[in-house]
N, C-alpha and C. Protein backbone atom coordinates (compact mmCIF):
# COMPACT_ATOMS: atom_id res chain seq x y z
N UNK A 1 9.42 19.20 -19.42
CA UNK A 1 9.23 17.95 -18.69
C UNK A 1 10.33 16.99 -19.12
N UNK A 2 10.94 16.24 -18.22
CA UNK A 2 12.03 15.34 -18.59
C UNK A 2 11.54 14.13 -19.37
N UNK A 3 12.46 13.54 -20.08
CA UNK A 3 12.17 12.34 -20.85
C UNK A 3 13.24 11.30 -20.54
N UNK A 4 12.85 10.05 -20.41
CA UNK A 4 13.78 8.97 -20.09
C UNK A 4 14.53 8.59 -21.35
N UNK A 5 15.83 8.50 -21.27
CA UNK A 5 16.67 8.13 -22.40
C UNK A 5 17.17 6.70 -22.18
N UNK A 6 16.67 5.76 -22.98
CA UNK A 6 17.04 4.35 -22.83
C UNK A 6 18.52 4.09 -23.03
N UNK A 7 19.17 4.88 -23.83
CA UNK A 7 20.57 4.60 -24.13
C UNK A 7 21.50 5.02 -23.00
N UNK A 8 21.16 6.09 -22.31
CA UNK A 8 22.04 6.55 -21.23
C UNK A 8 21.50 6.22 -19.86
N UNK A 9 20.26 5.75 -19.80
CA UNK A 9 19.59 5.44 -18.55
C UNK A 9 19.49 6.66 -17.64
N UNK A 10 19.39 7.84 -18.27
CA UNK A 10 19.28 9.07 -17.52
C UNK A 10 18.02 9.81 -17.96
N UNK A 11 17.60 10.71 -17.09
CA UNK A 11 16.49 11.58 -17.43
C UNK A 11 17.05 12.85 -18.04
N UNK A 12 16.46 13.28 -19.17
CA UNK A 12 16.92 14.51 -19.80
C UNK A 12 15.71 15.34 -20.20
N UNK A 13 15.87 16.63 -20.31
CA UNK A 13 14.72 17.46 -20.70
C UNK A 13 14.27 17.10 -22.11
N UNK A 14 12.96 17.06 -22.29
CA UNK A 14 12.43 16.83 -23.64
C UNK A 14 12.02 18.17 -24.22
N UNK A 15 11.93 18.21 -25.53
CA UNK A 15 11.56 19.46 -26.18
C UNK A 15 10.14 19.88 -25.79
N UNK A 16 9.26 18.92 -25.72
CA UNK A 16 7.89 19.19 -25.29
C UNK A 16 7.33 17.90 -24.71
N UNK A 17 6.56 18.05 -23.69
CA UNK A 17 5.94 16.87 -23.08
C UNK A 17 4.96 16.26 -24.06
N UNK A 18 5.07 14.96 -24.25
CA UNK A 18 4.15 14.27 -25.14
C UNK A 18 2.89 13.92 -24.36
N UNK A 19 1.75 14.25 -24.89
CA UNK A 19 0.52 13.87 -24.19
C UNK A 19 0.31 12.36 -24.20
N UNK A 20 -0.44 11.95 -23.27
CA UNK A 20 -0.79 10.55 -23.04
C UNK A 20 -1.24 9.85 -24.32
N UNK A 21 -2.09 10.48 -25.10
CA UNK A 21 -2.69 9.86 -26.28
C UNK A 21 -1.71 9.70 -27.45
N UNK A 22 -0.65 10.52 -27.50
CA UNK A 22 0.24 10.52 -28.66
C UNK A 22 1.45 9.61 -28.53
N UNK A 23 1.97 9.46 -27.31
CA UNK A 23 3.18 8.67 -27.14
C UNK A 23 3.18 8.12 -25.71
N UNK A 24 2.54 6.99 -25.55
CA UNK A 24 2.35 6.44 -24.20
C UNK A 24 3.68 6.19 -23.49
N UNK A 25 4.64 5.64 -24.19
CA UNK A 25 5.93 5.34 -23.56
C UNK A 25 6.56 6.61 -23.01
N UNK A 26 6.65 7.63 -23.84
CA UNK A 26 7.26 8.89 -23.37
C UNK A 26 6.45 9.46 -22.21
N UNK A 27 5.12 9.45 -22.35
CA UNK A 27 4.26 9.96 -21.27
C UNK A 27 4.55 9.21 -19.97
N UNK A 28 4.62 7.88 -20.04
CA UNK A 28 4.86 7.07 -18.84
C UNK A 28 6.22 7.39 -18.22
N UNK A 29 7.24 7.50 -19.05
CA UNK A 29 8.57 7.80 -18.53
C UNK A 29 8.64 9.21 -17.93
N UNK A 30 7.96 10.17 -18.58
CA UNK A 30 7.90 11.53 -18.03
C UNK A 30 7.17 11.54 -16.69
N UNK A 31 6.09 10.78 -16.61
CA UNK A 31 5.33 10.72 -15.36
C UNK A 31 6.15 10.06 -14.26
N UNK A 32 6.88 9.02 -14.59
CA UNK A 32 7.73 8.36 -13.60
C UNK A 32 8.80 9.31 -13.08
N UNK A 33 9.40 10.07 -13.99
CA UNK A 33 10.43 11.03 -13.59
C UNK A 33 9.81 12.11 -12.69
N UNK A 34 8.65 12.60 -13.07
CA UNK A 34 7.99 13.63 -12.25
C UNK A 34 7.67 13.09 -10.86
N UNK A 35 7.23 11.85 -10.77
CA UNK A 35 6.97 11.24 -9.46
C UNK A 35 8.25 11.14 -8.64
N UNK A 36 9.31 10.60 -9.24
CA UNK A 36 10.58 10.44 -8.52
C UNK A 36 11.13 11.79 -8.04
N UNK A 37 10.95 12.81 -8.86
CA UNK A 37 11.47 14.14 -8.54
C UNK A 37 10.47 14.97 -7.74
N UNK A 38 9.34 14.36 -7.40
CA UNK A 38 8.28 15.01 -6.61
C UNK A 38 7.77 16.31 -7.24
N UNK A 39 7.68 16.30 -8.58
CA UNK A 39 7.12 17.43 -9.30
C UNK A 39 5.64 17.18 -9.51
N UNK A 40 4.88 17.33 -8.45
CA UNK A 40 3.47 16.96 -8.44
C UNK A 40 2.64 17.76 -9.45
N UNK A 41 3.01 18.98 -9.69
CA UNK A 41 2.26 19.81 -10.64
C UNK A 41 2.38 19.28 -12.07
N UNK A 42 3.41 18.50 -12.36
CA UNK A 42 3.61 17.96 -13.71
C UNK A 42 2.89 16.62 -13.92
N UNK A 43 2.27 16.11 -12.89
CA UNK A 43 1.62 14.80 -13.00
C UNK A 43 0.27 14.89 -13.70
N UNK A 44 0.01 13.93 -14.55
CA UNK A 44 -1.27 13.77 -15.23
C UNK A 44 -2.09 12.82 -14.36
N UNK A 45 -2.64 13.36 -13.28
CA UNK A 45 -3.24 12.56 -12.22
C UNK A 45 -4.37 11.67 -12.73
N UNK A 46 -5.22 12.19 -13.57
CA UNK A 46 -6.35 11.42 -14.07
C UNK A 46 -5.89 10.17 -14.84
N UNK A 47 -4.99 10.37 -15.79
CA UNK A 47 -4.51 9.23 -16.58
C UNK A 47 -3.62 8.31 -15.74
N UNK A 48 -2.85 8.86 -14.81
CA UNK A 48 -2.03 8.02 -13.93
C UNK A 48 -2.92 7.08 -13.12
N UNK A 49 -4.00 7.61 -12.58
CA UNK A 49 -4.92 6.78 -11.82
C UNK A 49 -5.49 5.64 -12.66
N UNK A 50 -5.89 5.96 -13.88
CA UNK A 50 -6.42 4.93 -14.77
C UNK A 50 -5.37 3.87 -15.09
N UNK A 51 -4.16 4.30 -15.35
CA UNK A 51 -3.10 3.35 -15.70
C UNK A 51 -2.72 2.46 -14.52
N UNK A 52 -2.70 3.01 -13.33
CA UNK A 52 -2.39 2.20 -12.15
C UNK A 52 -3.48 1.15 -11.94
N UNK A 53 -4.74 1.55 -12.09
CA UNK A 53 -5.83 0.58 -11.98
C UNK A 53 -5.70 -0.50 -13.05
N UNK A 54 -5.34 -0.11 -14.28
CA UNK A 54 -5.19 -1.08 -15.36
C UNK A 54 -4.05 -2.06 -15.07
N UNK A 55 -2.99 -1.59 -14.43
CA UNK A 55 -1.91 -2.50 -14.03
C UNK A 55 -2.45 -3.59 -13.10
N UNK A 56 -3.27 -3.20 -12.14
CA UNK A 56 -3.83 -4.16 -11.21
C UNK A 56 -4.74 -5.16 -11.93
N UNK A 57 -5.56 -4.65 -12.83
CA UNK A 57 -6.46 -5.52 -13.60
C UNK A 57 -5.65 -6.48 -14.46
N UNK A 58 -4.57 -6.01 -15.05
CA UNK A 58 -3.76 -6.88 -15.91
C UNK A 58 -3.12 -8.01 -15.09
N UNK A 59 -2.81 -7.76 -13.85
CA UNK A 59 -2.27 -8.81 -12.99
C UNK A 59 -3.32 -9.89 -12.76
N UNK A 60 -4.57 -9.49 -12.55
CA UNK A 60 -5.65 -10.47 -12.40
C UNK A 60 -5.85 -11.26 -13.69
N UNK A 61 -5.76 -10.58 -14.82
CA UNK A 61 -5.88 -11.27 -16.11
C UNK A 61 -4.77 -12.31 -16.28
N UNK A 62 -3.58 -11.96 -15.81
CA UNK A 62 -2.45 -12.90 -15.91
C UNK A 62 -2.73 -14.15 -15.09
N UNK A 63 -3.30 -14.00 -13.90
CA UNK A 63 -3.66 -15.17 -13.08
C UNK A 63 -4.60 -16.07 -13.87
N UNK A 64 -5.64 -15.48 -14.45
CA UNK A 64 -6.61 -16.27 -15.22
C UNK A 64 -5.94 -16.93 -16.41
N UNK A 65 -5.07 -16.23 -17.09
CA UNK A 65 -4.38 -16.79 -18.25
C UNK A 65 -3.49 -17.96 -17.87
N UNK A 66 -2.71 -17.83 -16.80
CA UNK A 66 -1.85 -18.93 -16.37
C UNK A 66 -2.68 -20.13 -15.94
N UNK A 67 -3.78 -19.89 -15.25
CA UNK A 67 -4.66 -21.01 -14.87
C UNK A 67 -5.21 -21.71 -16.11
N UNK A 68 -5.63 -20.92 -17.08
CA UNK A 68 -6.19 -21.50 -18.32
C UNK A 68 -5.15 -22.36 -19.03
N UNK A 69 -3.92 -21.90 -19.11
CA UNK A 69 -2.86 -22.68 -19.76
C UNK A 69 -2.61 -23.98 -19.00
N UNK A 70 -2.52 -23.88 -17.69
CA UNK A 70 -2.29 -25.08 -16.87
C UNK A 70 -3.42 -26.08 -17.07
N UNK A 71 -4.66 -25.63 -16.92
CA UNK A 71 -5.81 -26.53 -17.07
C UNK A 71 -5.88 -27.11 -18.48
N UNK A 72 -5.63 -26.28 -19.49
CA UNK A 72 -5.69 -26.73 -20.88
C UNK A 72 -4.78 -27.95 -21.08
N UNK A 73 -3.54 -27.82 -20.67
CA UNK A 73 -2.58 -28.91 -20.89
C UNK A 73 -2.82 -30.09 -19.95
N UNK A 74 -3.28 -29.82 -18.75
CA UNK A 74 -3.62 -30.92 -17.84
C UNK A 74 -4.80 -31.72 -18.38
N UNK A 75 -5.79 -31.04 -18.94
CA UNK A 75 -6.92 -31.75 -19.54
C UNK A 75 -6.47 -32.62 -20.71
N UNK A 76 -5.56 -32.10 -21.52
CA UNK A 76 -5.04 -32.90 -22.63
C UNK A 76 -4.27 -34.10 -22.10
N UNK A 77 -3.47 -33.90 -21.04
CA UNK A 77 -2.77 -35.03 -20.43
C UNK A 77 -3.78 -36.09 -19.96
N UNK A 78 -4.83 -35.64 -19.33
CA UNK A 78 -5.85 -36.56 -18.79
C UNK A 78 -6.54 -37.33 -19.92
N UNK A 79 -6.90 -36.64 -20.99
CA UNK A 79 -7.67 -37.26 -22.06
C UNK A 79 -6.81 -38.06 -23.03
N UNK A 80 -5.59 -37.64 -23.25
CA UNK A 80 -4.73 -38.28 -24.24
C UNK A 80 -3.29 -38.42 -23.73
N UNK A 81 -3.08 -39.22 -22.68
CA UNK A 81 -1.72 -39.31 -22.13
C UNK A 81 -0.70 -39.82 -23.15
N UNK A 82 -1.16 -40.63 -24.09
CA UNK A 82 -0.24 -41.16 -25.09
C UNK A 82 0.23 -40.09 -26.07
N UNK A 83 -0.48 -38.99 -26.14
CA UNK A 83 -0.14 -37.90 -27.05
C UNK A 83 0.69 -36.81 -26.36
N UNK A 84 0.92 -36.97 -25.06
CA UNK A 84 1.62 -35.92 -24.31
C UNK A 84 2.95 -35.59 -24.97
N UNK A 85 3.20 -34.30 -25.08
CA UNK A 85 4.42 -33.86 -25.74
C UNK A 85 5.26 -33.01 -24.80
N UNK A 86 6.49 -32.81 -25.20
CA UNK A 86 7.37 -31.95 -24.42
C UNK A 86 6.85 -30.53 -24.33
N UNK A 87 6.18 -30.06 -25.38
CA UNK A 87 5.66 -28.69 -25.34
C UNK A 87 4.55 -28.55 -24.31
N UNK A 88 3.76 -29.62 -24.12
CA UNK A 88 2.73 -29.58 -23.06
C UNK A 88 3.42 -29.44 -21.71
N UNK A 89 4.47 -30.22 -21.54
CA UNK A 89 5.20 -30.20 -20.27
C UNK A 89 5.80 -28.82 -20.02
N UNK A 90 6.41 -28.27 -21.04
CA UNK A 90 7.02 -26.95 -20.91
C UNK A 90 5.95 -25.90 -20.60
N UNK A 91 4.81 -26.00 -21.25
CA UNK A 91 3.72 -25.05 -21.00
C UNK A 91 3.25 -25.11 -19.56
N UNK A 92 3.09 -26.32 -19.04
CA UNK A 92 2.66 -26.47 -17.65
C UNK A 92 3.72 -25.92 -16.70
N UNK A 93 4.97 -26.30 -16.94
CA UNK A 93 6.05 -25.81 -16.08
C UNK A 93 6.15 -24.29 -16.11
N UNK A 94 6.11 -23.73 -17.31
CA UNK A 94 6.25 -22.29 -17.44
C UNK A 94 5.08 -21.55 -16.80
N UNK A 95 3.86 -21.96 -17.11
CA UNK A 95 2.70 -21.28 -16.53
C UNK A 95 2.67 -21.43 -15.02
N UNK A 96 3.02 -22.61 -14.53
CA UNK A 96 3.07 -22.82 -13.08
C UNK A 96 4.11 -21.95 -12.41
N UNK A 97 5.29 -21.86 -13.02
CA UNK A 97 6.36 -21.03 -12.45
C UNK A 97 5.98 -19.55 -12.49
N UNK A 98 5.41 -19.11 -13.60
CA UNK A 98 5.01 -17.71 -13.72
C UNK A 98 3.90 -17.37 -12.72
N UNK A 99 2.94 -18.28 -12.58
CA UNK A 99 1.86 -18.05 -11.63
C UNK A 99 2.39 -18.01 -10.20
N UNK A 100 3.25 -18.94 -9.88
CA UNK A 100 3.84 -18.96 -8.55
C UNK A 100 4.58 -17.66 -8.27
N UNK A 101 5.38 -17.19 -9.25
CA UNK A 101 6.14 -15.95 -9.08
C UNK A 101 5.21 -14.75 -8.93
N UNK A 102 4.17 -14.70 -9.73
CA UNK A 102 3.21 -13.61 -9.66
C UNK A 102 2.57 -13.55 -8.27
N UNK A 103 2.20 -14.71 -7.73
CA UNK A 103 1.58 -14.76 -6.41
C UNK A 103 2.57 -14.43 -5.30
N UNK A 104 3.84 -14.79 -5.49
CA UNK A 104 4.86 -14.40 -4.51
C UNK A 104 5.10 -12.90 -4.54
N UNK A 105 5.12 -12.33 -5.74
CA UNK A 105 5.36 -10.89 -5.89
C UNK A 105 4.17 -10.06 -5.42
N UNK A 106 2.97 -10.60 -5.58
CA UNK A 106 1.74 -9.87 -5.23
C UNK A 106 0.82 -10.80 -4.44
N UNK A 107 1.09 -11.01 -3.16
CA UNK A 107 0.30 -11.95 -2.36
C UNK A 107 -1.20 -11.64 -2.33
N UNK A 108 -1.57 -10.38 -2.53
CA UNK A 108 -2.99 -10.04 -2.50
C UNK A 108 -3.74 -10.61 -3.71
N UNK A 109 -3.01 -11.17 -4.68
CA UNK A 109 -3.65 -11.79 -5.84
C UNK A 109 -4.12 -13.22 -5.59
N UNK A 110 -3.82 -13.78 -4.43
CA UNK A 110 -4.25 -15.16 -4.15
C UNK A 110 -5.76 -15.31 -4.32
N UNK A 111 -6.52 -14.28 -4.00
CA UNK A 111 -7.97 -14.36 -4.16
C UNK A 111 -8.36 -14.54 -5.62
N UNK A 112 -7.54 -14.05 -6.54
CA UNK A 112 -7.86 -14.16 -7.96
C UNK A 112 -7.83 -15.61 -8.44
N UNK A 113 -7.02 -16.46 -7.80
CA UNK A 113 -6.99 -17.87 -8.17
C UNK A 113 -8.38 -18.47 -7.93
N UNK A 114 -8.92 -18.24 -6.76
CA UNK A 114 -10.25 -18.76 -6.42
C UNK A 114 -11.31 -18.10 -7.30
N UNK A 115 -11.16 -16.81 -7.52
CA UNK A 115 -12.13 -16.06 -8.31
C UNK A 115 -12.22 -16.58 -9.75
N UNK A 116 -11.07 -16.93 -10.34
CA UNK A 116 -11.03 -17.26 -11.77
C UNK A 116 -10.85 -18.74 -12.09
N UNK A 117 -10.65 -19.60 -11.11
CA UNK A 117 -10.33 -20.98 -11.45
C UNK A 117 -11.44 -21.67 -12.23
N UNK A 118 -12.70 -21.45 -11.88
CA UNK A 118 -13.79 -22.11 -12.62
C UNK A 118 -13.91 -21.56 -14.04
N UNK A 119 -13.79 -20.25 -14.19
CA UNK A 119 -13.85 -19.65 -15.52
C UNK A 119 -12.68 -20.13 -16.39
N UNK A 120 -11.49 -20.14 -15.82
CA UNK A 120 -10.31 -20.59 -16.56
C UNK A 120 -10.45 -22.06 -16.96
N UNK A 121 -11.01 -22.86 -16.06
CA UNK A 121 -11.20 -24.28 -16.35
C UNK A 121 -12.17 -24.46 -17.52
N UNK A 122 -13.27 -23.73 -17.51
CA UNK A 122 -14.25 -23.85 -18.61
C UNK A 122 -13.62 -23.41 -19.94
N UNK A 123 -12.86 -22.34 -19.92
CA UNK A 123 -12.17 -21.90 -21.14
C UNK A 123 -11.17 -22.96 -21.59
N UNK A 124 -10.48 -23.57 -20.65
CA UNK A 124 -9.49 -24.61 -20.97
C UNK A 124 -10.16 -25.83 -21.58
N UNK A 125 -11.34 -26.18 -21.11
CA UNK A 125 -12.09 -27.31 -21.70
C UNK A 125 -12.34 -27.05 -23.18
N UNK A 126 -12.77 -25.83 -23.49
CA UNK A 126 -13.06 -25.48 -24.89
C UNK A 126 -11.77 -25.48 -25.73
N UNK A 127 -10.69 -25.01 -25.16
CA UNK A 127 -9.41 -25.05 -25.86
C UNK A 127 -8.96 -26.49 -26.10
N UNK A 128 -9.11 -27.33 -25.07
CA UNK A 128 -8.71 -28.73 -25.19
C UNK A 128 -9.55 -29.44 -26.26
N UNK A 129 -10.83 -29.13 -26.31
CA UNK A 129 -11.71 -29.70 -27.34
C UNK A 129 -11.20 -29.30 -28.72
N UNK A 130 -10.94 -28.02 -28.91
CA UNK A 130 -10.47 -27.54 -30.21
C UNK A 130 -9.10 -28.11 -30.55
N UNK A 131 -8.26 -28.25 -29.55
CA UNK A 131 -6.88 -28.71 -29.74
C UNK A 131 -6.81 -30.20 -30.06
N UNK A 132 -7.67 -30.98 -29.42
CA UNK A 132 -7.59 -32.44 -29.57
C UNK A 132 -8.56 -33.01 -30.58
N UNK A 133 -9.62 -32.26 -30.91
CA UNK A 133 -10.65 -32.79 -31.78
C UNK A 133 -11.63 -33.69 -31.05
N UNK A 134 -11.45 -33.87 -29.75
CA UNK A 134 -12.37 -34.68 -28.95
C UNK A 134 -13.61 -33.85 -28.63
N UNK A 135 -14.73 -34.53 -28.37
CA UNK A 135 -15.93 -33.77 -27.99
C UNK A 135 -15.74 -33.14 -26.61
N UNK A 136 -16.46 -32.06 -26.37
CA UNK A 136 -16.38 -31.37 -25.08
C UNK A 136 -16.69 -32.32 -23.93
N UNK A 137 -17.55 -33.27 -24.18
CA UNK A 137 -17.92 -34.24 -23.14
C UNK A 137 -16.75 -35.14 -22.72
N UNK A 138 -15.67 -35.15 -23.49
CA UNK A 138 -14.50 -35.95 -23.12
C UNK A 138 -13.74 -35.34 -21.95
N UNK A 139 -14.07 -34.09 -21.64
CA UNK A 139 -13.39 -33.38 -20.55
C UNK A 139 -14.40 -33.12 -19.44
N UNK A 140 -14.04 -33.43 -18.20
CA UNK A 140 -14.99 -33.26 -17.10
C UNK A 140 -15.57 -31.85 -17.08
N UNK A 141 -16.89 -31.77 -16.85
CA UNK A 141 -17.58 -30.48 -16.81
C UNK A 141 -17.06 -29.60 -15.69
N UNK A 142 -16.81 -30.21 -14.57
CA UNK A 142 -16.29 -29.48 -13.41
C UNK A 142 -14.90 -30.00 -13.10
N UNK A 143 -14.06 -29.09 -12.67
CA UNK A 143 -12.72 -29.49 -12.26
C UNK A 143 -12.87 -30.40 -11.05
N UNK A 144 -12.21 -31.53 -11.14
CA UNK A 144 -12.34 -32.51 -10.06
C UNK A 144 -11.09 -32.55 -9.22
N UNK A 145 -11.27 -32.91 -7.96
CA UNK A 145 -10.12 -33.04 -7.07
C UNK A 145 -9.17 -34.09 -7.62
N UNK A 146 -9.72 -35.16 -8.21
CA UNK A 146 -8.84 -36.20 -8.74
C UNK A 146 -7.94 -35.66 -9.84
N UNK A 147 -8.46 -34.74 -10.67
CA UNK A 147 -7.63 -34.13 -11.71
C UNK A 147 -6.50 -33.34 -11.04
N UNK A 148 -6.85 -32.56 -10.03
CA UNK A 148 -5.82 -31.79 -9.31
C UNK A 148 -4.81 -32.73 -8.67
N UNK A 149 -5.31 -33.76 -7.97
CA UNK A 149 -4.42 -34.69 -7.27
C UNK A 149 -3.53 -35.45 -8.25
N UNK A 150 -4.13 -35.89 -9.33
CA UNK A 150 -3.39 -36.70 -10.29
C UNK A 150 -2.15 -35.97 -10.80
N UNK A 151 -2.27 -34.68 -10.95
CA UNK A 151 -1.16 -33.91 -11.50
C UNK A 151 -0.47 -33.03 -10.46
N UNK A 152 -0.80 -33.19 -9.20
CA UNK A 152 -0.13 -32.42 -8.17
C UNK A 152 -0.46 -30.95 -8.19
N UNK A 153 -1.61 -30.58 -8.73
CA UNK A 153 -2.02 -29.18 -8.80
C UNK A 153 -3.03 -28.93 -7.70
N UNK A 154 -2.57 -28.41 -6.59
CA UNK A 154 -3.45 -28.17 -5.46
C UNK A 154 -3.65 -26.66 -5.36
N UNK A 155 -4.77 -26.19 -5.91
CA UNK A 155 -5.00 -24.76 -5.99
C UNK A 155 -5.14 -24.11 -4.62
N UNK A 156 -5.83 -24.75 -3.73
CA UNK A 156 -6.08 -24.12 -2.43
C UNK A 156 -4.78 -23.77 -1.72
N UNK A 157 -3.76 -24.61 -1.88
CA UNK A 157 -2.48 -24.34 -1.24
C UNK A 157 -1.50 -23.63 -2.14
N UNK A 158 -1.94 -23.23 -3.35
CA UNK A 158 -1.08 -22.55 -4.31
C UNK A 158 0.14 -23.39 -4.66
N UNK A 159 -0.01 -24.71 -4.66
CA UNK A 159 1.11 -25.60 -4.99
C UNK A 159 0.95 -26.05 -6.42
N UNK A 160 1.63 -25.39 -7.33
CA UNK A 160 1.52 -25.72 -8.75
C UNK A 160 2.65 -26.67 -9.10
N UNK A 161 2.51 -27.92 -8.70
CA UNK A 161 3.56 -28.92 -8.84
C UNK A 161 3.59 -29.54 -10.22
N UNK A 162 3.97 -28.79 -11.21
CA UNK A 162 3.99 -29.29 -12.58
C UNK A 162 5.02 -30.40 -12.75
N UNK A 163 6.09 -30.35 -11.98
CA UNK A 163 7.10 -31.40 -12.09
C UNK A 163 6.48 -32.76 -11.77
N UNK A 164 5.63 -32.83 -10.73
CA UNK A 164 4.94 -34.06 -10.39
C UNK A 164 3.98 -34.48 -11.50
N UNK A 165 3.31 -33.50 -12.09
CA UNK A 165 2.37 -33.79 -13.18
C UNK A 165 3.08 -34.46 -14.33
N UNK A 166 4.23 -33.95 -14.66
CA UNK A 166 4.97 -34.49 -15.79
C UNK A 166 5.48 -35.90 -15.48
N UNK A 167 6.00 -36.11 -14.28
CA UNK A 167 6.46 -37.45 -13.90
C UNK A 167 5.31 -38.46 -13.96
N UNK A 168 4.14 -38.07 -13.45
CA UNK A 168 2.99 -38.98 -13.47
C UNK A 168 2.54 -39.26 -14.90
N UNK A 169 2.51 -38.25 -15.74
CA UNK A 169 2.13 -38.45 -17.13
C UNK A 169 3.14 -39.33 -17.85
N UNK A 170 4.41 -39.10 -17.60
CA UNK A 170 5.46 -39.93 -18.21
C UNK A 170 5.32 -41.39 -17.77
N UNK A 171 5.04 -41.62 -16.51
CA UNK A 171 4.93 -43.01 -16.02
C UNK A 171 3.71 -43.69 -16.63
N UNK A 172 2.64 -42.94 -16.91
CA UNK A 172 1.45 -43.54 -17.53
C UNK A 172 1.72 -43.92 -18.98
N UNK A 173 2.60 -43.20 -19.65
CA UNK A 173 2.89 -43.48 -21.05
C UNK A 173 3.81 -44.69 -21.20
N UNK A 174 4.54 -45.04 -20.15
CA UNK A 174 5.50 -46.15 -20.26
C UNK A 174 4.81 -47.48 -20.25
């Protein structure tokens, strides 16, 4: 079974095919080569199916994670605008950009935003509480439209306008 060689970017025969459990990277590269070369008999169909499903699940997890990061920092901006830092701004910009790119690359993931926004918001409240030392009651129990509007985060339209959020937070601190 061939093995992918990172240094030459070519496929070369391996001494022995590494099983899935022993060397995932080699297994994955061998499976990719077998797919490209249409060597169907060499495919580990059962594990390939599981790994493809896991890729899809990991994409949904990424949506939830980006939402949680955005909400976490937006909640901190809302509760403590005077404490807003450049790292909060960078976190919002980065998570917003990554989420936007993920949704552009995989449009079928748009449903995951709606599916996970409430869960991500609740997790973000707990993170904001731990991060700021403020009581949980300092952060709205439910995500409010005013919070979204205030920072230009309109989930329904997938408009993650972190740049507007930062400008508004900066103007409040002045």
